[in-house]
Amino acid sequence: MSTREKNQEEVDVLEQETYQHEIVLHNDEVNTFDFVIESLIDVCEHTLEQAEQCTILVHYKGKCTVKSGEFKDLEPRCSKLLQLGLSAELV
């Protein structure tokens, strides 16, 4: 294994360890599609397309991971989603 391959492998492992948490959004019968889309754009910095796709997945599958990353970044985002009345959890 070359030095370059070994370094890339180490970077890959570090990236995997860094992104070990995620926000999971759950389906509810209260919030509208438009409200959820706007919330994901505002809180999770989604594009319109990302937010629409996540909203559809939540509706049909019951839940969807909407953001992954470090705990210190995700915790305030998850709290904001909860304050907005969405059903979310940080795992």
N, C-alpha and C. Protein backbone atom coordinates (compact mmCIF):
# COMPACT_ATOMS: atom_id res chain seq x y z
N MET A 1 0.84 -1.17 0.00
CA MET A 1 0.00 0.00 0.00
C MET A 1 0.89 1.24 0.00
N SER A 2 0.59 2.16 -0.92
CA SER A 2 1.40 3.37 -1.01
C SER A 2 1.08 4.32 0.15
N THR A 3 1.94 5.28 0.35
CA THR A 3 1.73 6.27 1.40
C THR A 3 0.45 7.06 1.14
N ARG A 4 0.20 7.37 -0.12
CA ARG A 4 -1.00 8.13 -0.48
C ARG A 4 -2.26 7.34 -0.14
N GLU A 5 -2.27 6.05 -0.46
CA GLU A 5 -3.44 5.20 -0.16
C GLU A 5 -3.65 5.10 1.35
N LYS A 6 -2.54 4.95 2.10
CA LYS A 6 -2.64 4.85 3.55
C LYS A 6 -3.19 6.13 4.16
N ASN A 7 -2.71 7.28 3.68
CA ASN A 7 -3.22 8.56 4.17
C ASN A 7 -4.70 8.73 3.85
N GLN A 8 -5.12 8.34 2.65
CA GLN A 8 -6.52 8.45 2.28
C GLN A 8 -7.37 7.54 3.16
N GLU A 9 -6.87 6.37 3.48
CA GLU A 9 -7.61 5.45 4.35
C GLU A 9 -7.79 6.07 5.74
N GLU A 10 -6.74 6.72 6.26
CA GLU A 10 -6.84 7.36 7.56
C GLU A 10 -7.85 8.51 7.53
N VAL A 11 -7.88 9.27 6.46
CA VAL A 11 -8.85 10.36 6.32
C VAL A 11 -10.26 9.80 6.27
N ASP A 12 -10.46 8.72 5.51
CA ASP A 12 -11.77 8.10 5.42
C ASP A 12 -12.27 7.65 6.79
N VAL A 13 -11.38 7.06 7.60
CA VAL A 13 -11.76 6.59 8.93
C VAL A 13 -12.12 7.78 9.81
N LEU A 14 -11.35 8.86 9.76
CA LEU A 14 -11.64 10.04 10.56
C LEU A 14 -12.98 10.66 10.16
N GLU A 15 -13.29 10.70 8.86
CA GLU A 15 -14.56 11.25 8.41
C GLU A 15 -15.72 10.40 8.93
N GLN A 16 -15.56 9.09 8.93
CA GLN A 16 -16.61 8.21 9.42
C GLN A 16 -16.85 8.43 10.92
N GLU A 17 -15.80 8.64 11.69
CA GLU A 17 -15.92 8.85 13.12
C GLU A 17 -16.55 10.20 13.43
N THR A 18 -16.26 11.22 12.62
CA THR A 18 -16.75 12.56 12.85
C THR A 18 -18.26 12.63 12.68
N TYR A 19 -18.81 11.98 11.66
CA TYR A 19 -20.24 12.05 11.36
C TYR A 19 -20.96 10.84 11.92
N GLN A 20 -21.04 10.76 13.24
CA GLN A 20 -21.66 9.60 13.84
C GLN A 20 -23.05 9.88 14.38
N HIS A 21 -23.52 11.12 14.29
CA HIS A 21 -24.84 11.48 14.79
C HIS A 21 -25.72 11.95 13.64
N GLU A 22 -27.03 11.80 13.81
CA GLU A 22 -27.95 12.27 12.78
C GLU A 22 -29.28 12.69 13.39
N ILE A 23 -29.94 13.61 12.71
CA ILE A 23 -31.28 14.02 13.09
C ILE A 23 -32.25 13.22 12.24
N VAL A 24 -33.18 12.54 12.92
CA VAL A 24 -34.20 11.77 12.23
C VAL A 24 -35.53 12.48 12.43
N LEU A 25 -36.18 12.79 11.33
CA LEU A 25 -37.49 13.42 11.37
C LEU A 25 -38.56 12.35 11.21
N HIS A 26 -39.58 12.40 12.08
CA HIS A 26 -40.65 11.40 12.05
C HIS A 26 -41.94 12.02 11.51
N ASN A 27 -42.77 11.18 10.94
CA ASN A 27 -44.04 11.61 10.38
C ASN A 27 -45.00 12.02 11.49
N ASP A 28 -45.81 13.00 11.21
CA ASP A 28 -46.90 13.37 12.11
C ASP A 28 -48.11 13.75 11.27
N GLU A 29 -49.22 13.85 11.91
CA GLU A 29 -50.46 14.18 11.20
C GLU A 29 -50.87 15.63 11.43
N VAL A 30 -49.93 16.46 11.90
CA VAL A 30 -50.25 17.82 12.30
C VAL A 30 -49.71 18.85 11.30
N ASN A 31 -48.44 18.74 10.95
CA ASN A 31 -47.78 19.76 10.14
C ASN A 31 -47.99 19.54 8.65
N THR A 32 -48.10 20.65 7.91
CA THR A 32 -48.29 20.58 6.47
C THR A 32 -46.95 20.33 5.77
N PHE A 33 -47.04 19.85 4.54
CA PHE A 33 -45.83 19.65 3.74
C PHE A 33 -45.06 20.95 3.62
N ASP A 34 -45.76 22.04 3.33
CA ASP A 34 -45.08 23.32 3.15
C ASP A 34 -44.35 23.78 4.41
N PHE A 35 -44.97 23.59 5.57
CA PHE A 35 -44.34 23.98 6.82
C PHE A 35 -43.08 23.15 7.07
N VAL A 36 -43.15 21.85 6.84
CA VAL A 36 -41.99 20.98 7.06
C VAL A 36 -40.87 21.36 6.09
N ILE A 37 -41.22 21.60 4.84
CA ILE A 37 -40.21 21.99 3.84
C ILE A 37 -39.53 23.28 4.26
N GLU A 38 -40.31 24.29 4.64
CA GLU A 38 -39.74 25.57 5.08
C GLU A 38 -38.85 25.39 6.30
N SER A 39 -39.26 24.53 7.22
CA SER A 39 -38.48 24.29 8.43
C SER A 39 -37.15 23.63 8.11
N LEU A 40 -37.14 22.66 7.21
CA LEU A 40 -35.90 21.98 6.83
C LEU A 40 -34.95 22.93 6.11
N ILE A 41 -35.49 23.80 5.30
CA ILE A 41 -34.65 24.79 4.61
C ILE A 41 -34.04 25.74 5.63
N ASP A 42 -34.84 26.20 6.57
CA ASP A 42 -34.37 27.17 7.56
C ASP A 42 -33.41 26.55 8.57
N VAL A 43 -33.79 25.42 9.16
CA VAL A 43 -33.03 24.85 10.27
C VAL A 43 -31.86 23.98 9.80
N CYS A 44 -32.09 23.16 8.79
CA CYS A 44 -31.06 22.20 8.35
C CYS A 44 -30.30 22.66 7.12
N GLU A 45 -30.64 23.86 6.63
CA GLU A 45 -29.97 24.44 5.46
C GLU A 45 -30.11 23.55 4.22
N HIS A 46 -31.27 22.93 4.05
CA HIS A 46 -31.54 22.12 2.86
C HIS A 46 -31.84 23.04 1.68
N THR A 47 -31.60 22.50 0.49
CA THR A 47 -32.12 23.16 -0.71
C THR A 47 -33.61 22.82 -0.79
N LEU A 48 -34.33 23.49 -1.64
CA LEU A 48 -35.75 23.21 -1.80
C LEU A 48 -35.95 21.75 -2.20
N GLU A 49 -35.13 21.26 -3.11
CA GLU A 49 -35.26 19.88 -3.58
C GLU A 49 -34.99 18.86 -2.47
N GLN A 50 -33.96 19.11 -1.67
CA GLN A 50 -33.65 18.22 -0.55
C GLN A 50 -34.81 18.18 0.44
N ALA A 51 -35.33 19.35 0.77
CA ALA A 51 -36.42 19.43 1.74
C ALA A 51 -37.66 18.72 1.23
N GLU A 52 -37.98 18.90 -0.05
CA GLU A 52 -39.14 18.23 -0.63
C GLU A 52 -38.97 16.71 -0.59
N GLN A 53 -37.78 16.23 -0.96
CA GLN A 53 -37.54 14.79 -0.96
C GLN A 53 -37.63 14.20 0.45
N CYS A 54 -37.05 14.88 1.42
CA CYS A 54 -37.12 14.40 2.80
C CYS A 54 -38.56 14.37 3.30
N THR A 55 -39.32 15.39 2.96
CA THR A 55 -40.72 15.46 3.38
C THR A 55 -41.52 14.31 2.79
N ILE A 56 -41.28 14.00 1.54
CA ILE A 56 -41.99 12.88 0.89
C ILE A 56 -41.58 11.56 1.54
N LEU A 57 -40.28 11.39 1.82
CA LEU A 57 -39.83 10.16 2.48
C LEU A 57 -40.44 10.01 3.87
N VAL A 58 -40.50 11.09 4.62
CA VAL A 58 -41.10 11.05 5.95
C VAL A 58 -42.57 10.65 5.84
N HIS A 59 -43.26 11.21 4.87
CA HIS A 59 -44.68 10.93 4.70
C HIS A 59 -44.94 9.46 4.38
N TYR A 60 -44.15 8.91 3.45
CA TYR A 60 -44.41 7.55 3.00
C TYR A 60 -43.69 6.47 3.80
N LYS A 61 -42.51 6.78 4.35
CA LYS A 61 -41.72 5.78 5.08
C LYS A 61 -41.85 5.92 6.60
N GLY A 62 -42.36 7.06 7.06
CA GLY A 62 -42.53 7.27 8.49
C GLY A 62 -41.40 8.03 9.15
N LYS A 63 -40.23 8.04 8.53
CA LYS A 63 -39.10 8.79 9.08
C LYS A 63 -38.02 8.95 8.01
N CYS A 64 -37.11 9.88 8.26
CA CYS A 64 -36.01 10.14 7.32
C CYS A 64 -34.90 10.88 8.06
N THR A 65 -33.67 10.50 7.79
CA THR A 65 -32.52 11.25 8.32
C THR A 65 -32.42 12.54 7.53
N VAL A 66 -32.48 13.68 8.23
CA VAL A 66 -32.48 14.97 7.55
C VAL A 66 -31.15 15.71 7.68
N LYS A 67 -30.31 15.29 8.61
CA LYS A 67 -29.01 15.95 8.77
C LYS A 67 -28.09 15.02 9.55
N SER A 68 -26.85 14.93 9.14
CA SER A 68 -25.86 14.15 9.90
C SER A 68 -24.64 15.02 10.12
N GLY A 69 -23.92 14.72 11.20
CA GLY A 69 -22.75 15.51 11.52
C GLY A 69 -22.35 15.35 12.97
N GLU A 70 -21.66 16.34 13.48
CA GLU A 70 -21.19 16.31 14.86
C GLU A 70 -22.32 16.70 15.81
N PHE A 71 -22.30 16.12 16.99
CA PHE A 71 -23.35 16.35 17.98
C PHE A 71 -23.53 17.83 18.28
N LYS A 72 -22.42 18.55 18.47
CA LYS A 72 -22.49 19.97 18.86
C LYS A 72 -23.16 20.83 17.79
N ASP A 73 -23.13 20.41 16.53
CA ASP A 73 -23.83 21.12 15.46
C ASP A 73 -25.29 20.71 15.37
N LEU A 74 -25.56 19.44 15.60
CA LEU A 74 -26.91 18.91 15.41
C LEU A 74 -27.85 19.20 16.57
N GLU A 75 -27.33 19.26 17.78
CA GLU A 75 -28.19 19.42 18.96
C GLU A 75 -29.05 20.68 18.91
N PRO A 76 -28.48 21.85 18.59
CA PRO A 76 -29.35 23.03 18.50
C PRO A 76 -30.33 22.97 17.32
N ARG A 77 -29.94 22.32 16.25
CA ARG A 77 -30.84 22.17 15.10
C ARG A 77 -32.03 21.29 15.46
N CYS A 78 -31.76 20.18 16.13
CA CYS A 78 -32.83 19.28 16.55
C CYS A 78 -33.76 20.00 17.53
N SER A 79 -33.19 20.75 18.45
CA SER A 79 -34.01 21.50 19.41
C SER A 79 -34.91 22.49 18.69
N LYS A 80 -34.40 23.14 17.67
CA LYS A 80 -35.19 24.11 16.90
C LYS A 80 -36.34 23.40 16.18
N LEU A 81 -36.08 22.23 15.59
CA LEU A 81 -37.15 21.47 14.94
C LEU A 81 -38.24 21.10 15.94
N LEU A 82 -37.82 20.71 17.13
CA LEU A 82 -38.79 20.35 18.17
C LEU A 82 -39.60 21.58 18.60
N GLN A 83 -38.93 22.73 18.73
CA GLN A 83 -39.63 23.96 19.09
C GLN A 83 -40.67 24.35 18.04
N LEU A 84 -40.38 24.01 16.79
CA LEU A 84 -41.32 24.31 15.71
C LEU A 84 -42.50 23.33 15.67
N GLY A 85 -42.44 22.32 16.52
CA GLY A 85 -43.53 21.36 16.59
C GLY A 85 -43.35 20.14 15.73
N LEU A 86 -42.16 19.95 15.19
CA LEU A 86 -41.88 18.75 14.40
C LEU A 86 -41.43 17.62 15.31
N SER A 87 -41.60 16.41 14.86
CA SER A 87 -41.20 15.24 15.63
C SER A 87 -39.83 14.78 15.13
N ALA A 88 -38.81 15.09 15.92
CA ALA A 88 -37.42 14.79 15.51
C ALA A 88 -36.66 14.21 16.70
N GLU A 89 -35.64 13.45 16.38
CA GLU A 89 -34.76 12.92 17.42
C GLU A 89 -33.33 12.94 16.93
N LEU A 90 -32.40 13.06 17.87
CA LEU A 90 -30.98 13.05 17.60
C LEU A 90 -30.43 11.69 18.00
N VAL A 91 -29.89 10.98 17.02
CA VAL A 91 -29.36 9.63 17.29
C VAL A 91 -27.89 9.57 16.91
